Amino acid sequence: MSVSVLGAGAFGTALAISLAKQSPVTLWARDADHIAQMQAQRCNTARLPDVPLPDDLSLTHDFSEAALSEVLLLAVPMQKLRAVLQAHQVALATKTLVACCKGIELQTGLGPIAVITEVLPTAKPALLTGPSFAADIARGLPTALTLACADADLGRDLQHQLTTANLRLYRTTDTSGAELGGALKNIIAIACGAVIGAGLGDSARAALMTRGFAEMQRMALACGAEPETLAGLSGFGDLTLTCSSTLSRNYQLGLSIGRGEGFDPKITVEGAATARATVAKAKTMGLDMPLTKTVVGLLDGDLTIATASAQLLARPLKEE
């Protein structure tokens, strides 16, 4: 099966680099100037400087050219996924579409596979998620990810095709668990960044990660996810990475909140929209999500770090 990657951000470029080391790949970006620059320099200097593009990586801003491939990896932000699918419905209608974004759509409360299914019911959807940074993948460092696909046979085929020398993929048919694990951990990463930014210490971060994981499980299981999925790469694994590294944009946003500093609005932080979508979703489901509510309060400026900490510490005592 031929492969194209849609989206020449850091993660899309990193995936394309890794895949192109074993077979030809096409990388698409909407911006013709960006493509021309990468073609001239054979490097995505804006997003992944100092990482050369393999010879078998083709670049294009012509969507019809990229859409000739049988498998398309959708490396676009979660909140822009629907617009990309709608803009290219005819070309994508029967393709195998692997979402490479993490989050919950703000307007609908849907995850990436659900959005693909709603917009393109005849397409074959899957999800690639898990603990990973683009720079690590691009430089050939070992990374393990989850490939979620409801169609077990298709998932097996994709697992073999998308596994590379440095990318090891584990497959699951639990698409709901994989979607929610990758989405909800970003919320907890914002909270952990805020704790460290405010100087509240590593013990507080450990507590937030642990109780945040319980909160992730609470929603995921209520949505029909399997507990094993949340305990795997797409849940606990991704939570661990995102809550402990300054390479995480969600964690960086939290750090800025904790320090009382501004944050560049041009940087895509999936956890911010996901937190607001999750609060709305939890309300309709009757779920208690105190950490998520707290993150939304911090994002909206309705809570200070001191007030948020006091509210969480004042919650009723209970068994773990």
Protein backbone atom coordinates (compact mmCIF):
# COMPACT_ATOMS: atom_id res chain seq x y z
CA MET A 1 0.00 0.00 0.00
CA SER A 2 1.31 3.45 -0.93
CA VAL A 3 1.48 6.12 1.80
CA SER A 4 1.06 9.89 1.98
CA VAL A 5 1.31 12.12 5.03
CA LEU A 6 -1.03 15.11 5.09
CA GLY A 7 0.43 17.92 7.14
CA ALA A 8 4.06 19.08 7.18
CA GLY A 9 4.23 20.13 10.80
CA ALA A 10 6.85 18.60 13.06
CA PHE A 11 5.00 15.33 13.71
CA GLY A 12 3.84 14.79 10.14
CA THR A 13 7.34 15.46 8.83
CA ALA A 14 8.87 13.12 11.41
CA LEU A 15 6.53 10.29 10.45
CA ALA A 16 7.25 10.87 6.76
CA ILE A 17 11.01 10.78 7.41
CA SER A 18 10.81 7.52 9.33
CA LEU A 19 8.53 5.84 6.77
CA ALA A 20 10.52 7.07 3.76
CA LYS A 21 13.62 5.28 5.00
CA GLN A 22 11.96 1.99 4.07
CA SER A 23 9.69 2.87 1.11
CA PRO A 24 8.65 5.95 -0.93
CA VAL A 25 6.35 8.42 0.86
CA THR A 26 4.63 11.66 -0.18
CA LEU A 27 4.39 14.58 2.25
CA TRP A 28 1.70 17.20 1.58
CA ALA A 29 1.38 20.73 2.90
CA ARG A 30 -1.14 23.38 1.90
CA ASP A 31 1.49 26.13 1.80
CA ALA A 32 3.29 26.04 -1.56
CA ASP A 33 6.09 28.28 -0.26
CA HIS A 34 6.73 25.89 2.63
CA ILE A 35 6.96 22.96 0.23
CA ALA A 36 9.30 24.89 -2.06
CA GLN A 37 11.55 25.77 0.86
CA MET A 38 11.71 22.15 2.02
CA GLN A 39 12.39 21.00 -1.53
CA ALA A 40 15.25 23.45 -1.94
CA GLN A 41 16.82 22.72 1.44
CA ARG A 42 15.75 19.07 1.78
CA CYS A 43 14.90 19.90 5.38
CA ASN A 44 11.90 21.27 7.25
CA THR A 45 13.90 24.07 8.84
CA ALA A 46 10.81 25.72 10.32
CA ARG A 47 9.68 22.64 12.29
CA LEU A 48 12.51 20.08 12.37
CA PRO A 49 15.82 21.87 11.77
CA ASP A 50 18.97 19.83 11.12
CA VAL A 51 17.07 16.66 10.16
CA PRO A 52 17.58 15.91 6.44
CA LEU A 53 14.73 14.59 4.32
CA PRO A 54 15.35 11.13 2.79
CA ASP A 55 15.65 10.80 -0.98
CA ASP A 56 12.47 8.68 -1.08
CA LEU A 57 10.40 11.44 0.52
CA SER A 58 8.46 13.40 -2.13
CA LEU A 59 6.98 16.83 -1.37
CA THR A 60 3.85 18.38 -2.82
CA HIS A 61 1.22 21.05 -2.22
CA ASP A 62 -1.07 19.41 -4.79
CA PHE A 63 -3.67 17.53 -2.77
CA SER A 64 -4.75 15.39 -5.71
CA GLU A 65 -1.20 14.08 -6.01
CA ALA A 66 -0.99 13.16 -2.32
CA ALA A 67 -4.44 11.56 -2.44
CA LEU A 68 -3.29 9.02 -5.03
CA SER A 69 -1.89 6.94 -2.17
CA GLU A 70 -4.00 4.18 -0.63
CA VAL A 71 -3.12 5.08 2.97
CA LEU A 72 -3.14 8.69 4.16
CA LEU A 73 -1.80 9.74 7.56
CA LEU A 74 -3.70 12.80 8.79
CA ALA A 75 -1.12 14.82 10.72
CA VAL A 76 -3.29 17.91 11.16
CA PRO A 77 -4.50 19.54 14.41
CA MET A 78 -7.59 17.94 15.93
CA GLN A 79 -9.66 21.11 15.71
CA LYS A 80 -8.89 21.40 11.95
CA LEU A 81 -9.44 17.73 11.07
CA ARG A 82 -13.09 18.08 10.07
CA ALA A 83 -12.38 21.03 7.77
CA VAL A 84 -9.64 19.10 5.94
CA LEU A 85 -11.92 16.09 5.49
CA GLN A 86 -14.82 18.20 4.28
CA ALA A 87 -12.64 20.12 1.83
CA HIS A 88 -11.45 16.90 0.19
CA GLN A 89 -14.43 14.55 0.60
CA VAL A 90 -14.38 13.17 -2.94
CA ALA A 91 -10.65 12.39 -2.96
CA LEU A 92 -10.73 10.77 0.49
CA ALA A 93 -14.07 8.97 0.36
CA THR A 94 -12.73 5.40 0.01
CA LYS A 95 -9.22 5.79 1.42
CA THR A 96 -7.63 4.30 4.51
CA LEU A 97 -7.26 7.32 6.81
CA VAL A 98 -4.98 7.14 9.83
CA ALA A 99 -5.55 10.05 12.20
CA CYS A 100 -2.33 11.22 13.88
CA CYS A 101 -3.90 13.89 16.08
CA LYS A 102 -4.98 13.74 19.72
CA GLY A 103 -7.95 15.53 21.19
CA ILE A 104 -11.70 15.97 21.37
CA GLU A 105 -13.52 18.19 18.90
CA LEU A 106 -14.76 21.26 20.73
CA GLN A 107 -18.08 21.61 18.91
CA THR A 108 -19.14 17.93 18.98
CA GLY A 109 -17.20 16.14 21.71
CA LEU A 110 -16.02 13.57 19.14
CA GLY A 111 -12.57 12.03 18.79
CA PRO A 112 -10.65 11.79 15.50
CA ILE A 113 -11.97 8.39 14.37
CA ALA A 114 -15.54 9.44 15.11
CA VAL A 115 -15.02 12.65 13.10
CA ILE A 116 -13.65 10.67 10.13
CA THR A 117 -16.60 8.26 10.30
CA GLU A 118 -19.13 11.09 10.47
CA VAL A 119 -17.69 13.06 7.55
CA LEU A 120 -16.56 10.12 5.39
CA PRO A 121 -18.65 7.04 6.26
CA THR A 122 -17.15 5.03 3.36
CA ALA A 123 -13.53 5.64 4.38
CA LYS A 124 -11.54 3.15 6.48
CA PRO A 125 -10.44 4.93 9.69
CA ALA A 126 -7.61 4.20 12.11
CA LEU A 127 -5.62 6.10 14.74
CA LEU A 128 -1.89 6.35 15.47
CA THR A 129 -1.23 7.57 18.98
CA GLY A 130 1.04 7.13 22.00
CA PRO A 131 4.08 8.60 23.75
CA SER A 132 6.20 10.30 21.12
CA PHE A 133 7.98 13.51 20.27
CA ALA A 134 8.55 14.45 16.64
CA ALA A 135 12.25 15.15 17.14
CA ASP A 136 12.84 11.66 18.55
CA ILE A 137 11.05 9.96 15.64
CA ALA A 138 12.80 12.09 13.01
CA ARG A 139 16.24 11.36 14.46
CA GLY A 140 15.61 7.62 14.44
CA LEU A 141 15.29 7.18 18.20
CA PRO A 142 13.25 4.15 19.34
CA THR A 143 9.54 4.93 19.83
CA ALA A 144 6.54 2.70 20.54
CA LEU A 145 3.02 3.73 19.48
CA THR A 146 -0.51 2.34 19.45
CA LEU A 147 -2.33 1.71 16.19
CA ALA A 148 -6.09 1.58 16.86
CA CYS A 149 -8.40 0.18 14.19
CA ALA A 150 -11.82 -1.43 14.65
CA ASP A 151 -11.14 -3.64 11.61
CA ALA A 152 -8.67 -6.18 12.99
CA ASP A 153 -7.44 -7.31 9.56
CA LEU A 154 -6.85 -3.76 8.36
CA GLY A 155 -5.14 -2.96 11.66
CA ARG A 156 -2.78 -5.89 11.18
CA ASP A 157 -1.91 -4.75 7.63
CA LEU A 158 -1.29 -1.18 8.78
CA GLN A 159 0.80 -2.36 11.71
CA HIS A 160 3.19 -4.14 9.36
CA GLN A 161 3.28 -1.32 6.82
CA LEU A 162 3.81 1.55 9.26
CA THR A 163 6.30 -0.15 11.57
CA THR A 164 9.83 1.06 10.81
CA ALA A 165 13.34 0.51 12.15
CA ASN A 166 12.67 2.95 15.01
CA LEU A 167 8.84 2.92 15.19
CA ARG A 168 7.32 -0.13 16.89
CA LEU A 169 3.53 -0.29 16.66
CA TYR A 170 1.17 -2.21 18.95
CA ARG A 171 -2.35 -2.69 17.63
CA THR A 172 -5.75 -2.59 19.30
CA THR A 173 -9.36 -2.64 18.17
CA ASP A 174 -10.35 -0.39 21.10
CA THR A 175 -10.53 2.86 19.18
CA SER A 176 -12.48 4.66 21.91
CA GLY A 177 -9.86 3.92 24.56
CA ALA A 178 -7.00 4.96 22.29
CA GLU A 179 -8.77 8.19 21.32
CA LEU A 180 -9.58 9.18 24.89
CA GLY A 181 -6.22 8.22 26.35
CA GLY A 182 -4.38 10.40 23.85
CA ALA A 183 -6.81 13.28 24.33
CA LEU A 184 -7.28 13.40 28.08
CA LYS A 185 -3.62 13.08 29.03
CA ASN A 186 -3.02 16.51 27.46
CA ILE A 187 -5.33 18.08 30.04
CA ILE A 188 -3.37 16.52 32.90
CA ALA A 189 -0.11 17.68 31.29
CA ILE A 190 -1.33 21.29 31.47
CA ALA A 191 -2.12 20.79 35.16
CA CYS A 192 1.30 19.25 35.84
CA GLY A 193 3.08 22.05 34.03
CA ALA A 194 1.17 24.60 36.11
CA VAL A 195 2.19 22.84 39.33
CA ILE A 196 5.87 22.82 38.41
CA GLY A 197 5.72 26.37 37.05
CA ALA A 198 4.25 27.56 40.32
CA GLY A 199 6.98 25.81 42.31
CA LEU A 200 4.65 23.35 44.05
CA GLY A 201 7.07 20.46 43.59
CA ASP A 202 7.46 17.00 42.10
CA SER A 203 5.35 15.35 44.80
CA ALA A 204 2.38 17.48 43.77
CA ARG A 205 3.01 16.57 40.13
CA ALA A 206 3.06 12.86 40.99
CA ALA A 207 -0.25 13.25 42.82
CA LEU A 208 -1.79 15.06 39.85
CA MET A 209 -0.58 12.42 37.40
CA THR A 210 -2.04 9.65 39.54
CA ARG A 211 -5.39 11.28 40.18
CA GLY A 212 -5.44 12.51 36.60
CA PHE A 213 -5.03 8.96 35.37
CA ALA A 214 -8.00 7.95 37.52
CA GLU A 215 -9.98 10.77 35.93
CA MET A 216 -8.97 9.62 32.45
CA GLN A 217 -10.13 6.09 33.26
CA ARG A 218 -13.41 7.36 34.68
CA MET A 219 -14.44 8.97 31.41
CA ALA A 220 -12.94 6.37 29.10
CA LEU A 221 -14.59 3.43 30.83
CA ALA A 222 -17.92 5.26 30.85
CA CYS A 223 -17.51 5.58 27.07
CA GLY A 224 -16.96 1.84 26.66
CA ALA A 225 -13.16 1.74 26.56
CA GLU A 226 -11.16 -1.24 27.80
CA PRO A 227 -9.13 -0.74 31.02
CA GLU A 228 -6.09 -2.37 29.37
CA THR A 229 -6.03 0.33 26.69
CA LEU A 230 -5.78 3.13 29.23
CA ALA A 231 -2.99 1.26 31.02
CA GLY A 232 -1.05 0.98 27.75
CA LEU A 233 0.93 3.26 25.49
CA SER A 234 -2.00 5.43 24.41
CA GLY A 235 -3.01 6.14 28.00
CA PHE A 236 -0.52 5.72 30.84
CA GLY A 237 2.49 5.76 28.51
CA ASP A 238 1.53 9.03 26.85
CA LEU A 239 0.55 10.54 30.20
CA THR A 240 3.99 9.80 31.63
CA LEU A 241 5.84 11.42 28.74
CA THR A 242 3.63 14.48 28.35
CA CYS A 243 3.56 15.34 32.05
CA SER A 244 7.31 15.22 32.51
CA SER A 245 8.99 16.89 29.54
CA THR A 246 9.36 20.48 28.44
CA LEU A 247 9.15 19.22 24.84
CA SER A 248 5.39 18.84 25.40
CA ARG A 249 3.46 21.93 24.29
CA ASN A 250 0.69 21.14 26.76
CA TYR A 251 3.20 20.96 29.58
CA GLN A 252 4.81 24.20 28.34
CA LEU A 253 1.43 25.95 28.45
CA GLY A 254 0.97 24.77 32.01
CA LEU A 255 4.42 26.03 32.96
CA SER A 256 3.55 29.48 31.60
CA ILE A 257 0.31 29.53 33.59
CA GLY A 258 2.11 28.50 36.77
CA ARG A 259 4.76 31.16 36.27
CA GLY A 260 2.24 33.84 35.38
CA GLU A 261 3.80 34.30 31.93
CA GLY A 262 2.24 34.78 28.50
CA PHE A 263 2.12 31.97 25.95
CA ASP A 264 2.45 32.25 22.16
CA PRO A 265 -1.12 31.93 20.79
CA LYS A 266 0.25 30.69 17.45
CA ILE A 267 1.39 27.43 19.07
CA THR A 268 -1.20 24.66 18.78
CA VAL A 269 -1.97 23.19 22.20
CA GLU A 270 -4.56 20.44 21.79
CA GLY A 271 -5.21 20.11 25.52
CA ALA A 272 -6.79 23.55 25.85
CA ALA A 273 -9.71 22.87 23.51
CA THR A 274 -9.91 19.28 24.71
CA ALA A 275 -10.28 20.41 28.32
CA ARG A 276 -13.26 22.61 27.45
CA ALA A 277 -14.82 19.86 25.32
CA THR A 278 -14.30 17.33 28.11
CA VAL A 279 -16.00 19.50 30.73
CA ALA A 280 -19.06 19.76 28.51
CA LYS A 281 -18.99 16.02 27.75
CA ALA A 282 -18.58 15.10 31.43
CA LYS A 283 -21.53 17.28 32.37
CA THR A 284 -23.87 15.48 29.96
CA MET A 285 -22.57 12.11 31.21
CA GLY A 286 -22.85 13.02 34.88
CA LEU A 287 -19.14 12.43 35.54
CA ASP A 288 -17.01 14.13 38.19
CA MET A 289 -13.86 15.54 36.54
CA PRO A 290 -12.37 17.96 39.12
CA LEU A 291 -8.90 18.26 37.57
CA THR A 292 -10.30 18.96 34.13
CA LYS A 293 -12.62 21.63 35.56
CA THR A 294 -9.65 23.16 37.35
CA VAL A 295 -7.59 23.31 34.15
CA VAL A 296 -10.43 25.08 32.35
CA GLY A 297 -10.65 27.55 35.23
CA LEU A 298 -6.92 28.27 34.92
CA LEU A 299 -7.14 28.61 31.13
CA ASP A 300 -10.06 31.02 31.37
CA GLY A 301 -8.48 33.04 34.16
CA ASP A 302 -11.30 32.22 36.57
CA LEU A 303 -8.89 30.52 38.99
CA THR A 304 -5.44 31.32 40.29
CA ILE A 305 -2.94 28.59 41.10
CA ALA A 306 -3.41 29.28 44.80
CA THR A 307 -7.22 29.07 44.58
CA ALA A 308 -7.09 25.95 42.41
CA SER A 309 -4.72 24.21 44.81
CA ALA A 310 -6.84 25.12 47.81
CA GLN A 311 -10.03 23.85 46.14
CA LEU A 312 -8.49 20.51 45.21
CA LEU A 313 -6.96 19.99 48.65
CA ALA A 314 -10.29 20.83 50.30
CA ARG A 315 -12.21 18.10 48.45
CA PRO A 316 -13.84 15.45 50.68
CA LEU A 317 -11.53 12.67 51.86
CA LYS A 318 -12.23 9.24 50.36
CA GLU A 319 -10.73 5.86 49.57
CA GLU A 320 -8.34 5.69 46.64
